[in-house]
Structure formats: C-alpha cells, structure tokens
C-alpha cells in the first residue's frame, strides 16, 4: 500500500518516538553512535536557549502506520537579522530509503517555512551552524567523532531526488599524532612568541568567565564565515554547562597579547567512543562502562579554532598548535580530527595541512528555493 502520512509532534509520547526513531533505523549499522537520550530530551526542551530566538516544529512520517522518518522546521530569527535573508532550515532529518517518505517530510517542512515568509529551505541544521550540521557524504565506514553527524549513505540521493542541491560542503581532516609538531609550526610559533604572544590553559575554576572570553573571540573570528550566527550569552552558558565536564585545560587554550585575548583553541576528547558502549542509556551498568571506556579515549576533535582578525597571519595559530601538542602528547592521544572547515576556507585548510592533517570526510548542506 505504502500509505504515507506526516504528523506533527505535539505530545511527550510523540517526542519520545521522534527521539528514538534512529535507534531502529541504525540498529544494524555498526558505525552509528546513539546520543544520550536524556541529553537529547533536554536539547529539545525549553532549557535550550536556542528556542528564545527560533520557532521550531517537529514532524514524523508514518508509512503503513509505522514510523519511517522525522524532520524539524526551523525559523531562526537571529539568522534572518544577521544575514538579512529569508532562509528557513530543516534539521534532525532521518528517513528510510524511500524518496516518497523523504519528499513528504521535506515538503511538510518547506510548506511550514513558506507560511512563515521564508523563501529558501536549507539544511540539515541541528539546530544551527553552531552545532551539528550537514549530511556525511564520504567515508561512512568510520565512527563519527564527538558532535559530528553520521547518517545513511543514501541521504544524498534522497536530497537530490527531492530537488535539493548543494549549498556548501564542510571538510574534516585527520591528523595522526607524530613525535613532534612540524618544523614550520615550531618556527612560526617562535616568531609569535618573540612578538609577545603567550598561551595559557583555561581556568576551570573561572569557567563562566573563560566562556565569555571564548564568546568574544568566536564572534569576532567567525563573523564573516558562511552561515555564521553570533552566540548569545545564554547560548554560551548552555554550551559551557554541557562541555565543562569534558574540557581538559591542557587542550583548551587561550592566546593573549599582553593579557588581551586574541585566539582560542579547543580540543575535546572523543567521548563518542564512550557513548558507543552506552546505547543512549544512563544507568548503573552504562555509568560503569563510561568510567571504564573514558580512560581509553585515544582520539581528539579540534572543535574550535578562532583568531581575531587583526592577529591572523601573525603566528597565533602556530603557537596555539605548539602548546596544544604538548597536551596531546601528555594525554597519550593518537589522532586529532579538525572539523568542520568550509570548503572555500582555503587559509584554514592550508594551516591544517601545514600541521600534517589530511582530508578524510566531507559533509554537505543542501538547499532549494521555495
């Protein structure tokens, strides 16, 4: 029969089905990592400050009475103010390999966005470029690192079958840790040091203040990036509350020029390698597993690298890498993922390649006019 119906999620039971759908979709996929259900529920609750400036609606597709897909529509008022466009977004897309189901989901999200005056549908965004975004389009046989997307290989075909096209590609690079940083990094870092640039680890006792420093650098360094939206104070506090427990001071560094913050580097241990053993659940058994496997993390993700405009091409990145490398070696880590980087951000790609990083994954954001 293949009867397809799209239903808006308006109840706790519906949200539970929305959150848990990927567990069945990926049940036979060894590379999918289930997020903690408890954290997802909080992310979709009023505790998330993203909802202070966005209107979000949730939808589930049923095929012959069974859940076959999900999607959300997003009108982000801060994006509209900052970019002065009428782009609406879709996110948290998951779907069986059926273009009729994906069309029903995307058409529903697009119709909702059109009603609210949007002229473009773009995604996936979970919920914005400050979080997970894009569909993985290469290298599906490797685990995703912390806070990076993983999806079925057929999603690109579903998007194209629904009339969407590429808006932007995002790159991930991998670096196998060597005995020492490249000579060029050390040389450029020494020049920056002579100019008075210093690097210090974040102070977790003053974490709230340090997050404000990060916000200042992040909003300054990224303001001209495609899709960028400045973080609010509430979003910084929320992000800090989620990351504080996993931040390692030796891997989270602030560069200063005579005490003035000018750059930030944030390396996070890949806790996905822990989540892979927890199946989304928090209970005594999974907590014991988390404690055990957290001692065995060997990968890092370079989540954040930002340098204020006036301090670019002055070796600040090199001195941050040099000092970060010390923390990497101290922790015994074996690999670092640099992600994500815009496909047309050539200067940052060259910096990553200078350190020895190699392109190993690509993500794609799609769009179409309404």
Protein backbone atom coordinates (compact mmCIF):
# COMPACT_ATOMS: atom_id res chain seq x y z
CA UNK A 1 0.00 0.00 0.00
CA UNK A 2 2.76 2.42 1.01
CA UNK A 3 0.34 4.88 2.63
CA UNK A 4 2.43 7.84 3.87
CA UNK A 5 1.23 10.31 6.47
CA UNK A 6 3.17 13.17 8.14
CA UNK A 7 2.14 14.01 11.69
CA UNK A 8 3.24 16.98 13.79
CA UNK A 9 4.73 16.05 17.16
CA UNK A 10 2.77 17.75 19.93
CA UNK A 11 2.95 15.33 22.87
CA UNK A 12 5.61 13.83 25.08
CA UNK A 13 4.86 10.42 23.61
CA UNK A 14 5.33 11.80 20.12
CA UNK A 15 8.62 13.45 21.05
CA UNK A 16 9.80 10.16 22.55
CA UNK A 17 9.07 8.41 19.24
CA UNK A 18 10.83 11.25 17.36
CA UNK A 19 13.96 10.94 19.52
CA UNK A 20 14.11 7.14 19.43
CA UNK A 21 13.44 6.57 15.72
CA UNK A 22 17.18 6.44 14.81
CA UNK A 23 17.67 3.52 17.24
CA UNK A 24 15.64 1.27 14.95
CA UNK A 25 16.85 2.88 11.71
CA UNK A 26 20.53 2.28 12.59
CA UNK A 27 20.07 -0.93 14.57
CA UNK A 28 22.22 -2.89 12.10
CA UNK A 29 24.72 -0.12 11.38
CA UNK A 30 27.92 -0.63 13.41
CA UNK A 31 29.13 2.96 12.95
CA UNK A 32 26.16 4.89 14.31
CA UNK A 33 26.67 6.24 17.85
CA UNK A 34 23.48 6.75 19.87
CA UNK A 35 23.47 10.06 21.77
CA UNK A 36 22.32 10.02 25.39
CA UNK A 37 18.51 10.08 25.31
CA UNK A 38 18.45 12.22 28.46
CA UNK A 39 20.62 14.88 26.81
CA UNK A 40 18.52 14.85 23.64
CA UNK A 41 15.35 15.42 25.64
CA UNK A 42 16.97 18.41 27.32
CA UNK A 43 18.18 19.70 23.95
CA UNK A 44 14.57 19.68 22.73
CA UNK A 45 13.24 21.34 25.89
CA UNK A 46 12.81 24.95 26.99
CA UNK A 47 16.19 24.68 28.74
CA UNK A 48 17.82 25.17 25.33
CA UNK A 49 18.22 28.94 24.77
CA UNK A 50 18.12 28.43 21.00
CA UNK A 51 14.33 28.48 21.33
CA UNK A 52 14.49 32.05 22.64
CA UNK A 53 15.06 33.26 19.07
CA UNK A 54 13.73 30.43 16.89
CA UNK A 55 10.45 28.78 16.03
CA UNK A 56 10.75 25.02 15.62
CA UNK A 57 8.15 22.41 14.67
CA UNK A 58 8.64 18.63 14.76
CA UNK A 59 7.22 16.09 12.31
CA UNK A 60 7.17 12.31 11.98
CA UNK A 61 6.37 10.40 8.78
CA UNK A 62 4.45 7.16 9.04
CA UNK A 63 4.43 4.58 6.25
CA UNK A 64 1.69 1.98 6.60
CA UNK A 65 1.26 3.01 10.23
CA UNK A 66 4.94 2.66 11.20
CA UNK A 67 7.44 5.46 11.83
CA UNK A 68 9.57 5.86 8.70
CA UNK A 69 11.19 9.27 9.13
CA UNK A 70 11.41 12.54 11.02
CA UNK A 71 12.27 16.21 10.41
CA UNK A 72 12.04 19.62 12.07
CA UNK A 73 11.41 23.02 10.51
CA UNK A 74 13.34 26.00 11.88
CA UNK A 75 12.80 29.73 11.55
CA UNK A 76 15.88 31.28 13.16
CA UNK A 77 15.25 34.97 13.78
CA UNK A 78 18.90 35.66 14.61
CA UNK A 79 19.97 34.19 11.28
CA UNK A 80 17.47 36.43 9.49
CA UNK A 81 18.72 39.52 11.37
CA UNK A 82 22.40 38.74 10.84
CA UNK A 83 22.29 37.64 7.19
CA UNK A 84 19.28 39.69 6.11
CA UNK A 85 17.86 36.83 4.06
CA UNK A 86 14.76 34.66 4.16
CA UNK A 87 16.35 31.25 4.64
CA UNK A 88 14.49 28.74 6.77
CA UNK A 89 16.01 25.45 7.83
CA UNK A 90 15.30 21.78 8.34
CA UNK A 91 17.13 19.55 10.77
CA UNK A 92 17.28 16.24 12.66
CA UNK A 93 16.34 14.51 9.42
CA UNK A 94 16.28 10.72 9.47
CA UNK A 95 14.50 8.55 6.92
CA UNK A 96 14.16 5.08 5.46
CA UNK A 97 15.43 4.68 1.91
CA UNK A 98 12.23 5.86 0.25
CA UNK A 99 12.12 9.11 -1.73
CA UNK A 100 8.34 9.29 -1.25
CA UNK A 101 8.82 9.42 2.53
CA UNK A 102 11.65 11.97 2.31
CA UNK A 103 9.60 14.09 -0.11
CA UNK A 104 6.66 14.05 2.28
CA UNK A 105 8.89 15.16 5.15
CA UNK A 106 10.73 17.89 3.21
CA UNK A 107 7.54 19.15 1.59
CA UNK A 108 5.92 19.47 5.02
CA UNK A 109 8.90 21.38 6.44
CA UNK A 110 9.06 23.60 3.33
CA UNK A 111 5.34 24.33 3.50
CA UNK A 112 5.67 25.36 7.14
CA UNK A 113 8.64 27.61 6.34
CA UNK A 114 6.78 29.17 3.41
CA UNK A 115 3.85 30.03 5.68
CA UNK A 116 6.29 31.97 7.85
CA UNK A 117 7.66 34.01 4.94
CA UNK A 118 10.78 32.01 4.18
CA UNK A 119 11.98 31.79 0.56
CA UNK A 120 14.74 29.16 0.92
CA UNK A 121 14.84 25.82 2.73
CA UNK A 122 18.36 24.80 3.82
CA UNK A 123 19.77 22.01 5.91
CA UNK A 124 20.30 19.89 7.77
CA UNK A 125 20.93 22.11 10.79
CA UNK A 126 20.75 20.59 14.27
CA UNK A 127 19.91 23.43 15.18
CA UNK A 128 22.38 25.87 13.55
CA UNK A 129 25.93 26.16 12.25
CA UNK A 130 26.99 26.50 15.90
CA UNK A 131 26.03 22.83 16.35
CA UNK A 132 25.89 19.72 14.16
CA UNK A 133 25.09 20.42 10.53
CA UNK A 134 25.37 18.79 7.12
CA UNK A 135 24.99 15.23 5.86
CA UNK A 136 28.05 12.99 5.72
CA UNK A 137 28.72 12.26 2.04
CA UNK A 138 32.02 10.32 2.23
CA UNK A 139 33.77 7.79 4.49
CA UNK A 140 30.79 6.01 6.05
CA UNK A 141 32.89 3.18 7.45
CA UNK A 142 34.42 5.11 10.31
CA UNK A 143 32.90 6.18 13.60
CA UNK A 144 31.83 9.83 13.87
CA UNK A 145 33.71 11.87 16.43
CA UNK A 146 32.05 13.88 19.17
CA UNK A 147 29.36 16.32 17.96
CA UNK A 148 29.76 15.39 14.28
CA UNK A 149 26.99 13.96 12.07
CA UNK A 150 26.64 10.41 10.87
CA UNK A 151 23.88 9.30 8.53
CA UNK A 152 22.87 6.71 5.98
CA UNK A 153 24.83 6.81 2.69
CA UNK A 154 21.61 7.13 0.69
CA UNK A 155 20.67 10.56 2.13
CA UNK A 156 22.42 12.45 -0.67
CA UNK A 157 20.29 10.60 -3.19
CA UNK A 158 17.14 11.40 -1.22
CA UNK A 159 18.00 15.10 -1.17
CA UNK A 160 18.67 15.22 -4.90
CA UNK A 161 15.51 13.19 -5.56
CA UNK A 162 13.57 15.88 -3.68
CA UNK A 163 15.03 18.69 -5.78
CA UNK A 164 17.60 20.00 -3.30
CA UNK A 165 21.12 20.90 -4.40
CA UNK A 166 24.42 21.60 -2.72
CA UNK A 167 24.65 24.86 -0.78
CA UNK A 168 28.04 24.27 0.85
CA UNK A 169 30.44 21.44 1.67
CA UNK A 170 32.23 21.14 5.00
CA UNK A 171 35.53 19.30 5.43
CA UNK A 172 37.02 17.18 8.19
CA UNK A 173 40.75 16.49 8.35
CA UNK A 174 42.53 13.78 10.33
CA UNK A 175 45.99 14.07 11.85
CA UNK A 176 47.99 11.08 13.11
CA UNK A 177 49.97 12.36 16.08
CA UNK A 178 53.72 12.38 15.46
CA UNK A 179 56.63 12.68 17.90
CA UNK A 180 56.80 16.44 17.47
CA UNK A 181 54.95 19.21 15.59
CA UNK A 182 56.15 20.05 12.06
CA UNK A 183 59.29 22.21 11.99
CA UNK A 184 57.41 25.03 10.26
CA UNK A 185 54.87 25.20 13.10
CA UNK A 186 57.67 25.46 15.66
CA UNK A 187 59.43 28.15 13.63
CA UNK A 188 56.32 30.30 13.17
CA UNK A 189 55.33 29.82 16.84
CA UNK A 190 58.74 31.10 17.95
CA UNK A 191 58.22 34.27 15.88
CA UNK A 192 54.82 34.86 17.51
CA UNK A 193 56.37 34.31 20.93
CA UNK A 194 59.00 36.98 20.24
CA UNK A 195 56.18 39.37 19.37
CA UNK A 196 54.78 38.89 22.87
CA UNK A 197 52.03 36.33 22.24
CA UNK A 198 51.54 33.92 25.12
CA UNK A 199 49.26 30.91 25.59
CA UNK A 200 47.53 29.68 28.75
CA UNK A 201 45.08 26.89 29.57
CA UNK A 202 41.52 27.76 30.55
CA UNK A 203 40.88 28.03 34.28
CA UNK A 204 38.02 25.65 35.11
CA UNK A 205 37.56 27.42 38.46
CA UNK A 206 36.57 30.51 36.47
CA UNK A 207 34.89 28.60 33.66
CA UNK A 208 32.00 31.02 33.23
CA UNK A 209 34.43 33.92 32.74
CA UNK A 210 36.53 31.84 30.34
CA UNK A 211 33.45 31.07 28.24
CA UNK A 212 32.87 34.83 27.90
CA UNK A 213 36.44 35.14 26.58
CA UNK A 214 35.70 32.36 24.13
CA UNK A 215 32.48 34.10 23.02
CA UNK A 216 34.37 37.34 22.34
CA UNK A 217 36.97 35.56 20.19
CA UNK A 218 34.47 33.25 18.48
CA UNK A 219 32.07 36.01 17.47
CA UNK A 220 34.94 38.16 16.21
CA UNK A 221 36.86 35.41 14.40
CA UNK A 222 33.90 33.77 12.66
CA UNK A 223 31.70 36.77 11.83
CA UNK A 224 32.43 36.65 8.08
CA UNK A 225 32.01 32.87 7.75
CA UNK A 226 29.18 31.50 5.63
CA UNK A 227 26.13 30.69 7.76
CA UNK A 228 27.66 32.09 10.96
CA UNK A 229 25.33 33.32 13.71
CA UNK A 230 26.79 35.06 16.79
CA UNK A 231 26.35 33.16 20.04
CA UNK A 232 24.28 34.82 22.76
CA UNK A 233 25.26 34.91 26.45
CA UNK A 234 22.55 32.35 27.22
CA UNK A 235 23.85 30.03 24.50
CA UNK A 236 27.40 30.37 25.82
CA UNK A 237 26.23 29.47 29.33
CA UNK A 238 24.28 26.50 27.99
CA UNK A 239 27.23 25.31 25.90
CA UNK A 240 29.53 25.70 28.89
CA UNK A 241 27.24 23.64 31.12
CA UNK A 242 27.29 20.81 28.54
CA UNK A 243 31.05 20.89 27.89
CA UNK A 244 32.51 21.73 31.29
CA UNK A 245 32.79 18.12 32.43
CA UNK A 246 34.78 17.01 29.38
CA UNK A 247 37.01 20.06 28.89
CA UNK A 248 40.71 19.33 29.53
CA UNK A 249 42.58 22.57 30.44
CA UNK A 250 45.80 21.50 28.66
CA UNK A 251 43.78 21.06 25.47
CA UNK A 252 41.64 24.20 25.76
CA UNK A 253 43.89 27.19 25.26
CA UNK A 254 43.67 30.97 25.08
CA UNK A 255 46.29 33.04 23.23
CA UNK A 256 46.94 36.52 24.62
CA UNK A 257 48.84 39.59 23.51
CA UNK A 258 49.92 41.47 26.65
CA UNK A 259 46.97 39.98 28.54
CA UNK A 260 44.43 40.68 25.78
CA UNK A 261 42.71 37.54 24.43
CA UNK A 262 43.37 37.16 20.70
CA UNK A 263 42.92 33.44 19.94
CA UNK A 264 41.28 30.27 21.17
CA UNK A 265 41.88 26.56 20.58
CA UNK A 266 39.53 23.88 21.86
CA UNK A 267 40.41 20.19 21.61
CA UNK A 268 37.85 17.78 23.07
CA UNK A 269 38.39 14.09 23.88
CA UNK A 270 36.21 11.97 21.59
CA UNK A 271 33.56 10.82 24.05
CA UNK A 272 31.69 9.19 21.18
CA UNK A 273 33.99 6.24 21.79
CA UNK A 274 32.38 6.04 25.24
CA UNK A 275 28.81 6.67 24.06
CA UNK A 276 29.21 3.80 21.59
CA UNK A 277 29.04 1.42 24.60
CA UNK A 278 26.07 3.09 26.33
CA UNK A 279 23.27 2.73 23.75
CA UNK A 280 21.83 6.10 24.76
CA UNK A 281 21.09 5.00 28.32
CA UNK A 282 22.19 6.24 31.73
CA UNK A 283 22.01 3.51 34.37
CA UNK A 284 24.46 1.88 36.82
CA UNK A 285 25.82 -0.50 34.16
CA UNK A 286 26.34 2.15 31.47
CA UNK A 287 27.85 4.56 34.00
CA UNK A 288 30.42 1.88 34.89
CA UNK A 289 31.09 1.39 31.17
CA UNK A 290 31.51 5.14 30.75
CA UNK A 291 34.05 5.27 33.56
CA UNK A 292 35.99 2.35 32.05
CA UNK A 293 36.00 3.49 28.42
CA UNK A 294 36.67 7.16 29.21
CA UNK A 295 40.15 6.06 30.31
CA UNK A 296 40.76 4.57 26.87
CA UNK A 297 39.96 7.56 24.63
CA UNK A 298 42.70 7.98 22.03
CA UNK A 299 41.12 10.49 19.63
CA UNK A 300 40.54 14.22 19.92
CA UNK A 301 38.41 16.61 17.94
CA UNK A 302 39.63 20.13 17.29
CA UNK A 303 36.20 21.68 17.69
CA UNK A 304 37.21 25.32 17.87
CA UNK A 305 40.00 27.43 16.48
CA UNK A 306 39.45 31.15 16.33
CA UNK A 307 41.84 34.07 15.89
CA UNK A 308 40.79 37.70 15.93
CA UNK A 309 41.01 39.41 12.56
CA UNK A 310 43.89 41.73 13.46
CA UNK A 311 46.02 38.80 14.63
CA UNK A 312 45.76 36.50 11.65
CA UNK A 313 48.92 35.59 9.74
CA UNK A 314 50.98 36.51 12.81
CA UNK A 315 51.71 33.00 14.09
CA UNK A 316 48.97 32.88 16.74
CA UNK A 317 47.61 29.65 15.24
CA UNK A 318 51.09 28.11 15.29
CA UNK A 319 51.75 28.90 18.94
CA UNK A 320 48.32 27.52 19.87
CA UNK A 321 49.11 24.32 17.95
CA UNK A 322 52.53 24.05 19.57
CA UNK A 323 51.14 24.34 23.09
CA UNK A 324 48.15 22.15 22.27
CA UNK A 325 50.55 19.48 21.00
CA UNK A 326 52.09 19.29 24.48
CA UNK A 327 48.67 18.47 25.92
CA UNK A 328 48.08 15.90 23.18
CA UNK A 329 51.31 14.08 23.98
CA UNK A 330 50.71 14.31 27.72
CA UNK A 331 47.32 12.63 27.31
CA UNK A 332 48.69 9.91 25.03
CA UNK A 333 46.26 10.70 22.22
CA UNK A 334 46.85 9.14 18.80
CA UNK A 335 44.66 11.10 16.37
CA UNK A 336 43.13 14.55 16.03
CA UNK A 337 40.18 15.44 13.80
CA UNK A 338 39.98 19.04 12.59
CA UNK A 339 36.33 19.75 11.84
CA UNK A 340 34.47 21.28 10.37
CA UNK A 341 36.10 23.62 7.83
CA UNK A 342 34.25 25.35 4.99
CA UNK A 343 35.20 24.08 1.53
CA UNK A 344 36.21 27.60 0.45
CA UNK A 345 38.12 28.50 3.63
CA UNK A 346 41.47 27.93 1.96
CA UNK A 347 43.62 29.75 4.59
CA UNK A 348 42.45 27.43 7.40
CA UNK A 349 42.80 24.37 5.17
CA UNK A 350 46.43 25.35 4.50
CA UNK A 351 47.06 25.76 8.24
CA UNK A 352 45.67 22.28 8.91
CA UNK A 353 47.69 20.80 6.06
CA UNK A 354 50.80 22.51 7.46
CA UNK A 355 50.33 20.58 10.69
CA UNK A 356 50.02 17.30 8.76
CA UNK A 357 46.23 16.96 8.59
CA UNK A 358 44.69 15.08 5.66
CA UNK A 359 41.16 15.44 4.29
CA UNK A 360 39.14 12.35 5.25
CA UNK A 361 35.44 13.28 5.47
CA UNK A 362 33.02 15.62 3.73
CA UNK A 363 29.64 16.89 4.81
CA UNK A 364 27.09 18.65 2.61
CA UNK A 365 24.42 21.23 3.34
CA UNK A 366 21.56 21.31 0.83
CA UNK A 367 19.00 23.91 -0.15
CA UNK A 368 16.30 24.86 -2.61
CA UNK A 369 14.12 27.89 -3.25
CA UNK A 370 10.52 27.64 -2.14
